[in-house]
């Protein structure tokens, strides 16, 4: 069967992260949503997403297809239902389409003609940006079980101070000496060729993905995910870094999400709690206003390719778009549009020519090419975000 992951109704609520990727390629837990589905299904998947993203993330349609809403995470029961779908059948949760059977001969899909099958079990789903960190605890636990089932961990080095070693899994090539791991609060996963430097103290649930690095004497509280090829230092609490991003020095990051190719300058801090302890409001691209999160703790949401200078201070509930460059003293405003250059004293437009030069250099350092597809995607984001920049 051919499986296609589609963005669904939540795509705009997951901006700025979905400016540069389909919903399926958001990382929550150890794996991206796509990787979760592919492991459960035993098949590769393609994507139905925004038109400007489809050259980089193409869709492959065959004679018979099953379309899956990428905002829902797989589990054994849901996957079995998806695999058993037949023509003119769809799975729904609270009137939201989770998956449906389609053929290439269908000109349009009318769910009034479908047999709708209710899914009534528990399921993880991301509907807002803050779900990425607030549901990361449950996601790490599910992914840990999925990845480690019937497998053996590499031995824990003798110099490691470990609590609940049965909840620690180390992949081949990982390096860690003279660190403290407390997995009594949740599982700890250390990916292939990852490194935890001496003096670091880590509480689970925690995921350190392939070739990621924890710097000297880092303090990490769960539930935190450090994506592939990321570098992290200082103090981190309940945060997710998608991949190829760096927070390599002292400073606090809490209840936050960083996309790819971000860099947090030394001694930068993000507030995750308001002084009056009120509910945090976060910029919504859907309503173009600040939305209630229902959370008392919420920090920084930073889109791909954005960076900040040393000693940057972020207010509680700050949203930064794609390819923003932030520096200077004082608190920048709580919403920084894509391709903004500046800080608390004001912003100008970060021109694409300069932004692309930086992206090319940054990506080449990790031996990743800045492609024409990347250029086209970022040019689209630049145009789309003009309405929020004061130019």
Protein backbone atom coordinates (compact mmCIF):
# COMPACT_ATOMS: atom_id res chain seq x y z
CA UNK A 1 0.00 0.00 0.00
CA UNK A 2 1.09 3.58 -0.66
CA UNK A 3 0.92 5.85 2.40
CA UNK A 4 0.78 9.65 2.13
CA UNK A 5 0.99 11.99 5.15
CA UNK A 6 -1.00 15.22 4.80
CA UNK A 7 -0.79 18.41 6.86
CA UNK A 8 -4.45 18.56 7.92
CA UNK A 9 -6.17 21.49 9.61
CA UNK A 10 -3.40 22.37 12.07
CA UNK A 11 -0.67 23.44 9.65
CA UNK A 12 -1.06 27.19 10.26
CA UNK A 13 -1.25 26.68 14.03
CA UNK A 14 2.20 25.07 13.83
CA UNK A 15 3.90 28.03 12.15
CA UNK A 16 6.73 29.12 12.13
CA UNK A 17 7.95 25.51 12.07
CA UNK A 18 5.72 24.55 9.12
CA UNK A 19 6.96 27.47 7.03
CA UNK A 20 9.90 25.25 6.04
CA UNK A 21 8.62 21.66 6.46
CA UNK A 22 5.45 19.57 6.33
CA UNK A 23 3.76 18.72 9.63
CA UNK A 24 5.11 15.17 9.19
CA UNK A 25 8.71 16.34 9.60
CA UNK A 26 8.26 17.95 13.01
CA UNK A 27 10.29 16.19 15.70
CA UNK A 28 8.49 15.31 18.93
CA UNK A 29 10.01 12.68 21.20
CA UNK A 30 12.99 10.89 19.68
CA UNK A 31 11.65 10.65 16.11
CA UNK A 32 9.91 12.92 13.64
CA UNK A 33 6.24 12.15 13.04
CA UNK A 34 7.14 10.71 9.63
CA UNK A 35 9.76 8.41 11.17
CA UNK A 36 7.21 7.18 13.73
CA UNK A 37 4.67 6.26 11.02
CA UNK A 38 7.29 4.60 8.81
CA UNK A 39 8.56 2.44 11.69
CA UNK A 40 5.04 1.30 12.57
CA UNK A 41 3.89 0.78 8.97
CA UNK A 42 7.06 -0.79 7.64
CA UNK A 43 6.81 1.45 4.55
CA UNK A 44 8.28 4.74 3.41
CA UNK A 45 5.86 7.66 3.11
CA UNK A 46 5.51 10.78 0.99
CA UNK A 47 3.76 14.04 1.75
CA UNK A 48 0.84 16.22 0.70
CA UNK A 49 1.73 19.71 1.87
CA UNK A 50 1.83 23.34 0.72
CA UNK A 51 2.60 23.73 -2.99
CA UNK A 52 5.81 25.73 -2.43
CA UNK A 53 7.21 22.89 -0.26
CA UNK A 54 6.42 20.06 -2.65
CA UNK A 55 9.58 20.18 -4.76
CA UNK A 56 11.61 19.40 -1.64
CA UNK A 57 8.92 17.17 -0.12
CA UNK A 58 7.20 15.54 -3.12
CA UNK A 59 4.09 13.40 -3.07
CA UNK A 60 4.04 10.02 -4.81
CA UNK A 61 0.50 8.96 -5.70
CA UNK A 62 -0.29 5.45 -6.86
CA UNK A 63 -3.44 3.68 -7.98
CA UNK A 64 -4.43 2.97 -4.37
CA UNK A 65 -3.39 5.16 -1.44
CA UNK A 66 -4.04 5.68 2.24
CA UNK A 67 -3.91 9.31 3.33
CA UNK A 68 -2.85 9.91 6.96
CA UNK A 69 -3.27 13.11 8.96
CA UNK A 70 0.29 13.87 10.11
CA UNK A 71 -0.79 15.70 13.27
CA UNK A 72 -1.74 12.32 14.81
CA UNK A 73 0.96 10.03 16.20
CA UNK A 74 0.80 6.31 15.43
CA UNK A 75 0.22 3.56 17.96
CA UNK A 76 -0.43 -0.16 17.56
CA UNK A 77 -4.23 0.08 17.55
CA UNK A 78 -4.40 3.06 15.17
CA UNK A 79 -1.84 1.58 12.77
CA UNK A 80 -3.76 -1.69 12.60
CA UNK A 81 -6.92 0.24 11.70
CA UNK A 82 -5.03 2.22 9.06
CA UNK A 83 -3.61 -0.94 7.51
CA UNK A 84 -7.09 -2.47 7.32
CA UNK A 85 -8.74 0.48 5.56
CA UNK A 86 -10.69 -0.42 2.42
CA UNK A 87 -12.20 1.64 -0.37
CA UNK A 88 -14.56 4.40 0.79
CA UNK A 89 -13.51 4.02 4.41
CA UNK A 90 -12.10 6.69 6.74
CA UNK A 91 -11.04 6.83 10.39
CA UNK A 92 -12.23 9.79 12.45
CA UNK A 93 -11.64 11.20 15.92
CA UNK A 94 -14.13 13.81 17.13
CA UNK A 95 -15.14 14.54 13.53
CA UNK A 96 -11.50 15.08 12.51
CA UNK A 97 -10.28 12.87 9.67
CA UNK A 98 -7.33 10.74 10.80
CA UNK A 99 -6.87 8.56 7.71
CA UNK A 100 -8.79 7.58 4.58
CA UNK A 101 -8.52 5.35 1.53
CA UNK A 102 -8.24 7.02 -1.87
CA UNK A 103 -7.58 6.11 -5.50
CA UNK A 104 -5.87 8.11 -8.22
CA UNK A 105 -9.10 8.04 -10.24
CA UNK A 106 -10.99 10.04 -7.59
CA UNK A 107 -11.42 13.62 -8.74
CA UNK A 108 -12.46 14.70 -5.26
CA UNK A 109 -13.09 13.07 -1.90
CA UNK A 110 -16.61 13.39 -0.47
CA UNK A 111 -16.67 11.98 3.04
CA UNK A 112 -20.48 11.87 2.94
CA UNK A 113 -20.00 8.83 0.71
CA UNK A 114 -17.51 7.21 3.09
CA UNK A 115 -17.98 4.66 5.85
CA UNK A 116 -16.64 6.61 8.85
CA UNK A 117 -14.95 4.48 11.52
CA UNK A 118 -14.59 6.03 14.99
CA UNK A 119 -11.27 5.71 16.78
CA UNK A 120 -12.05 5.80 20.50
CA UNK A 121 -8.69 5.01 22.13
CA UNK A 122 -6.10 7.48 23.42
CA UNK A 123 -3.80 9.03 20.83
CA UNK A 124 -1.12 11.73 20.87
CA UNK A 125 -1.63 14.70 18.58
CA UNK A 126 0.02 18.09 18.07
CA UNK A 127 -2.38 20.96 17.36
CA UNK A 128 -0.30 23.94 18.52
CA UNK A 129 3.39 24.84 18.67
CA UNK A 130 3.48 24.47 22.44
CA UNK A 131 2.27 20.86 22.14
CA UNK A 132 5.73 20.03 20.78
CA UNK A 133 7.32 20.49 24.20
CA UNK A 134 4.29 19.86 26.44
CA UNK A 135 3.67 16.42 24.89
CA UNK A 136 7.35 15.58 24.55
CA UNK A 137 7.38 13.52 27.76
CA UNK A 138 4.76 11.08 26.46
CA UNK A 139 6.33 11.07 22.98
CA UNK A 140 9.82 10.19 24.27
CA UNK A 141 8.41 7.30 26.30
CA UNK A 142 6.50 5.91 23.30
CA UNK A 143 9.46 6.29 20.93
CA UNK A 144 11.87 4.76 23.45
CA UNK A 145 9.73 1.65 23.67
CA UNK A 146 9.37 1.49 19.88
CA UNK A 147 13.08 1.93 19.12
CA UNK A 148 14.55 -0.29 21.85
CA UNK A 149 12.14 -3.24 21.74
CA UNK A 150 14.04 -6.54 21.42
CA UNK A 151 17.37 -4.70 21.19
CA UNK A 152 20.36 -4.45 23.52
CA UNK A 153 21.99 -1.21 24.61
CA UNK A 154 25.71 -0.61 24.40
CA UNK A 155 27.21 -0.99 27.89
CA UNK A 156 27.07 2.01 30.19
CA UNK A 157 30.69 3.15 30.85
CA UNK A 158 31.91 2.48 34.39
CA UNK A 159 32.64 6.18 35.04
CA UNK A 160 28.97 7.10 34.49
CA UNK A 161 26.91 7.72 37.63
CA UNK A 162 23.53 6.21 36.71
CA UNK A 163 20.16 5.79 38.42
CA UNK A 164 17.77 3.22 36.90
CA UNK A 165 20.20 1.89 34.27
CA UNK A 166 17.47 -0.35 32.85
CA UNK A 167 15.87 2.83 31.44
CA UNK A 168 19.02 3.93 29.59
CA UNK A 169 19.70 2.94 25.98
CA UNK A 170 22.99 3.79 24.27
CA UNK A 171 23.49 3.36 20.52
CA UNK A 172 26.72 2.32 18.81
CA UNK A 173 29.46 4.95 18.69
CA UNK A 174 28.07 7.11 21.50
CA UNK A 175 30.61 8.62 23.92
CA UNK A 176 29.98 9.52 27.57
CA UNK A 177 32.29 9.53 30.58
CA UNK A 178 31.98 11.01 34.10
CA UNK A 179 28.37 12.13 33.66
CA UNK A 180 25.26 11.62 35.80
CA UNK A 181 22.15 10.05 34.26
CA UNK A 182 18.94 9.83 36.30
CA UNK A 183 16.52 7.64 34.36
CA UNK A 184 14.20 7.02 37.33
CA UNK A 185 12.07 9.95 36.12
CA UNK A 186 11.91 8.71 32.52
CA UNK A 187 13.93 6.91 29.85
CA UNK A 188 17.22 8.27 28.51
CA UNK A 189 18.13 7.58 24.88
CA UNK A 190 21.62 8.33 23.55
CA UNK A 191 21.83 8.12 19.76
CA UNK A 192 24.47 6.83 17.39
CA UNK A 193 27.80 8.73 17.55
CA UNK A 194 26.34 11.21 20.08
CA UNK A 195 28.50 12.62 22.87
CA UNK A 196 27.88 13.74 26.45
CA UNK A 197 30.90 15.56 27.86
CA UNK A 198 32.19 15.28 31.41
CA UNK A 199 30.34 16.81 34.33
CA UNK A 200 26.92 16.89 32.67
CA UNK A 201 23.84 16.03 34.73
CA UNK A 202 20.75 14.73 32.91
CA UNK A 203 17.28 13.71 34.07
CA UNK A 204 14.93 11.70 31.90
CA UNK A 205 12.90 11.62 29.83
CA UNK A 206 15.73 12.67 27.53
CA UNK A 207 16.65 12.01 23.91
CA UNK A 208 20.03 12.81 22.40
CA UNK A 209 19.78 12.01 18.70
CA UNK A 210 22.43 10.92 16.21
CA UNK A 211 25.77 12.83 16.33
CA UNK A 212 24.38 15.42 18.77
CA UNK A 213 26.63 16.79 21.50
CA UNK A 214 26.09 17.81 25.13
CA UNK A 215 28.83 20.25 26.18
CA UNK A 216 30.83 20.22 29.44
CA UNK A 217 28.87 20.46 32.72
CA UNK A 218 25.48 20.86 31.07
CA UNK A 219 22.31 20.56 33.20
CA UNK A 220 19.26 19.08 31.46
CA UNK A 221 15.82 18.40 32.89
CA UNK A 222 13.26 16.24 31.09
CA UNK A 223 11.38 16.06 28.97
CA UNK A 224 14.01 17.31 26.50
CA UNK A 225 14.97 16.28 22.96
CA UNK A 226 18.24 17.30 21.34
CA UNK A 227 17.89 16.51 17.63
CA UNK A 228 20.53 15.16 15.22
CA UNK A 229 23.79 17.14 14.97
CA UNK A 230 22.69 19.68 17.60
CA UNK A 231 24.98 21.08 20.29
CA UNK A 232 23.67 22.00 23.72
CA UNK A 233 25.14 23.53 26.85
CA UNK A 234 24.11 25.49 29.94
CA UNK A 235 20.72 24.74 31.53
CA UNK A 236 17.81 23.29 29.54
CA UNK A 237 14.36 22.24 30.71
CA UNK A 238 11.54 20.53 28.75
CA UNK A 239 12.66 21.75 25.32
CA UNK A 240 12.94 20.35 21.79
CA UNK A 241 15.67 21.12 19.24
CA UNK A 242 14.76 19.70 15.82
CA UNK A 243 18.24 19.25 14.35
CA UNK A 244 21.48 21.03 13.33
CA UNK A 245 20.91 23.79 15.90
CA UNK A 246 23.22 25.04 18.62
CA UNK A 247 22.81 26.35 22.14
CA UNK A 248 26.38 25.58 23.02
CA UNK A 249 27.03 27.81 26.01
CA UNK A 250 25.72 28.87 29.42
CA UNK A 251 22.25 30.37 29.65
CA UNK A 252 18.75 29.00 30.25
CA UNK A 253 16.30 27.55 27.72
CA UNK A 254 13.01 26.25 29.08
CA UNK A 255 9.69 25.02 27.66
CA UNK A 256 10.90 25.98 24.22
CA UNK A 257 11.22 24.72 20.63
CA UNK A 258 14.07 25.47 18.23
CA UNK A 259 13.83 24.52 14.55
CA UNK A 260 16.83 23.62 12.37
CA UNK A 261 19.97 25.71 11.81
CA UNK A 262 19.28 27.99 14.80
CA UNK A 263 22.03 29.40 17.01
CA UNK A 264 21.64 30.77 20.54
CA UNK A 265 24.50 33.07 21.59
CA UNK A 266 26.47 32.59 24.80
CA UNK A 267 24.75 33.59 28.06
CA UNK A 268 21.39 34.10 26.34
CA UNK A 269 18.30 33.34 28.39
CA UNK A 270 14.64 32.69 27.68
CA UNK A 271 12.04 33.36 30.35
CA UNK A 272 9.44 30.60 30.65
CA UNK A 273 7.37 32.09 33.51
CA UNK A 274 5.75 35.51 33.81
CA UNK A 275 6.52 37.56 36.92
CA UNK A 276 2.82 37.60 37.81
CA UNK A 277 2.50 33.83 37.15
CA UNK A 278 -0.35 34.44 34.69
CA UNK A 279 -1.20 32.21 31.72
CA UNK A 280 1.21 32.71 28.83
CA UNK A 281 -0.11 34.09 25.54
CA UNK A 282 1.72 33.22 22.33
CA UNK A 283 1.61 34.84 18.88
CA UNK A 284 -0.78 33.04 16.54
CA UNK A 285 -0.18 33.23 12.80
CA UNK A 286 -3.79 32.11 12.27
CA UNK A 287 -5.47 34.97 14.15
CA UNK A 288 -2.54 37.41 13.84
CA UNK A 289 -2.91 38.05 17.54
CA UNK A 290 -1.73 36.61 20.84
CA UNK A 291 -3.52 33.38 21.78
CA UNK A 292 -4.06 31.77 25.16
CA UNK A 293 -1.94 28.65 25.65
CA UNK A 294 -3.45 27.41 28.90
CA UNK A 295 0.15 27.14 30.16
CA UNK A 296 1.93 28.82 33.03
CA UNK A 297 5.33 27.81 31.60
CA UNK A 298 6.13 28.65 27.97
CA UNK A 299 9.40 29.98 26.59
CA UNK A 300 10.79 30.51 23.09
CA UNK A 301 9.53 29.31 19.69
CA UNK A 302 12.26 29.89 17.08
CA UNK A 303 11.88 29.04 13.38
CA UNK A 304 14.60 27.61 11.12
CA UNK A 305 17.78 29.61 10.39
CA UNK A 306 17.12 32.17 13.14
CA UNK A 307 19.93 33.27 15.44
CA UNK A 308 20.63 35.54 18.39
CA UNK A 309 23.77 37.25 19.66
CA UNK A 310 25.41 36.85 23.07
CA UNK A 311 23.50 37.90 26.20
CA UNK A 312 20.17 38.04 24.39
CA UNK A 313 17.11 38.11 26.69
CA UNK A 314 13.79 36.65 25.52
CA UNK A 315 10.53 37.41 27.28
CA UNK A 316 8.12 34.66 28.30
CA UNK A 317 6.25 33.32 25.26
CA UNK A 318 8.37 34.77 22.45
CA UNK A 319 7.80 33.65 18.83
CA UNK A 320 10.55 34.19 16.26
CA UNK A 321 10.00 33.44 12.58
CA UNK A 322 12.42 32.06 9.98
CA UNK A 323 15.84 33.62 9.27
CA UNK A 324 15.68 36.32 11.93
CA UNK A 325 18.87 37.77 13.40
CA UNK A 326 18.48 39.21 16.91
CA UNK A 327 21.08 41.10 18.96
CA UNK A 328 21.61 43.98 21.37
CA UNK A 329 20.55 44.76 24.93
CA UNK A 330 17.00 44.73 26.28
CA UNK A 331 14.09 42.43 25.51
CA UNK A 332 13.02 42.19 21.85
CA UNK A 333 9.26 42.13 21.33
CA UNK A 334 7.30 38.89 21.84
CA UNK A 335 6.79 38.36 18.12
CA UNK A 336 9.67 38.76 15.69
CA UNK A 337 8.65 38.24 12.04
CA UNK A 338 10.72 36.18 9.61
CA UNK A 339 13.73 37.94 8.03
CA UNK A 340 13.97 40.57 10.78
CA UNK A 341 17.35 42.09 11.72
CA UNK A 342 17.79 43.92 15.04
CA UNK A 343 16.56 43.81 18.63
CA UNK A 344 14.88 45.80 21.38
CA UNK A 345 15.78 49.10 19.73
CA UNK A 346 14.01 48.13 16.51
CA UNK A 347 14.19 45.94 13.43
CA UNK A 348 15.00 46.30 9.76
CA UNK A 349 14.56 43.72 6.99
CA UNK A 350 17.18 40.98 6.79
CA UNK A 351 17.64 40.83 3.01
CA UNK A 352 17.56 37.40 1.44
CA UNK A 353 20.94 37.86 -0.25
CA UNK A 354 22.70 38.23 3.11
CA UNK A 355 20.54 35.59 4.83
CA UNK A 356 21.27 33.05 2.10
CA UNK A 357 25.02 33.73 2.29
CA UNK A 358 24.94 32.93 6.01
CA UNK A 359 22.77 29.82 5.52
CA UNK A 360 25.14 28.47 2.89
CA UNK A 361 28.17 28.89 5.17
CA UNK A 362 26.40 27.49 8.24
CA UNK A 363 25.10 24.42 6.42
CA UNK A 364 28.41 23.71 4.66
CA UNK A 365 30.10 23.46 8.07
CA UNK A 366 27.92 20.39 8.69
CA UNK A 367 28.49 19.12 5.14
CA UNK A 368 24.89 19.86 4.09
CA UNK A 369 24.14 21.63 0.81
CA UNK A 370 22.01 24.78 0.69
CA UNK A 371 19.96 23.78 -2.35
CA UNK A 372 17.84 25.61 -4.90
CA UNK A 373 14.80 24.07 -3.19
CA UNK A 374 15.90 25.71 0.06
CA UNK A 375 16.29 29.04 -1.76
CA UNK A 376 12.79 28.84 -3.24
CA UNK A 377 11.22 27.92 0.11
CA UNK A 378 12.91 30.77 1.97
CA UNK A 379 12.08 33.25 -0.79
CA UNK A 380 8.43 32.24 -0.43
CA UNK A 381 8.60 32.72 3.35
CA UNK A 382 10.23 36.14 2.83
CA UNK A 383 7.33 37.27 0.62
CA UNK A 384 4.65 35.73 2.82
CA UNK A 385 6.02 37.38 5.97
CA UNK A 386 6.28 40.89 4.51
CA UNK A 387 2.92 41.86 6.02
CA UNK A 388 4.30 41.40 9.55
CA UNK A 389 7.53 43.34 8.99
CA UNK A 390 7.61 47.10 9.21
CA UNK A 391 9.48 47.91 6.03
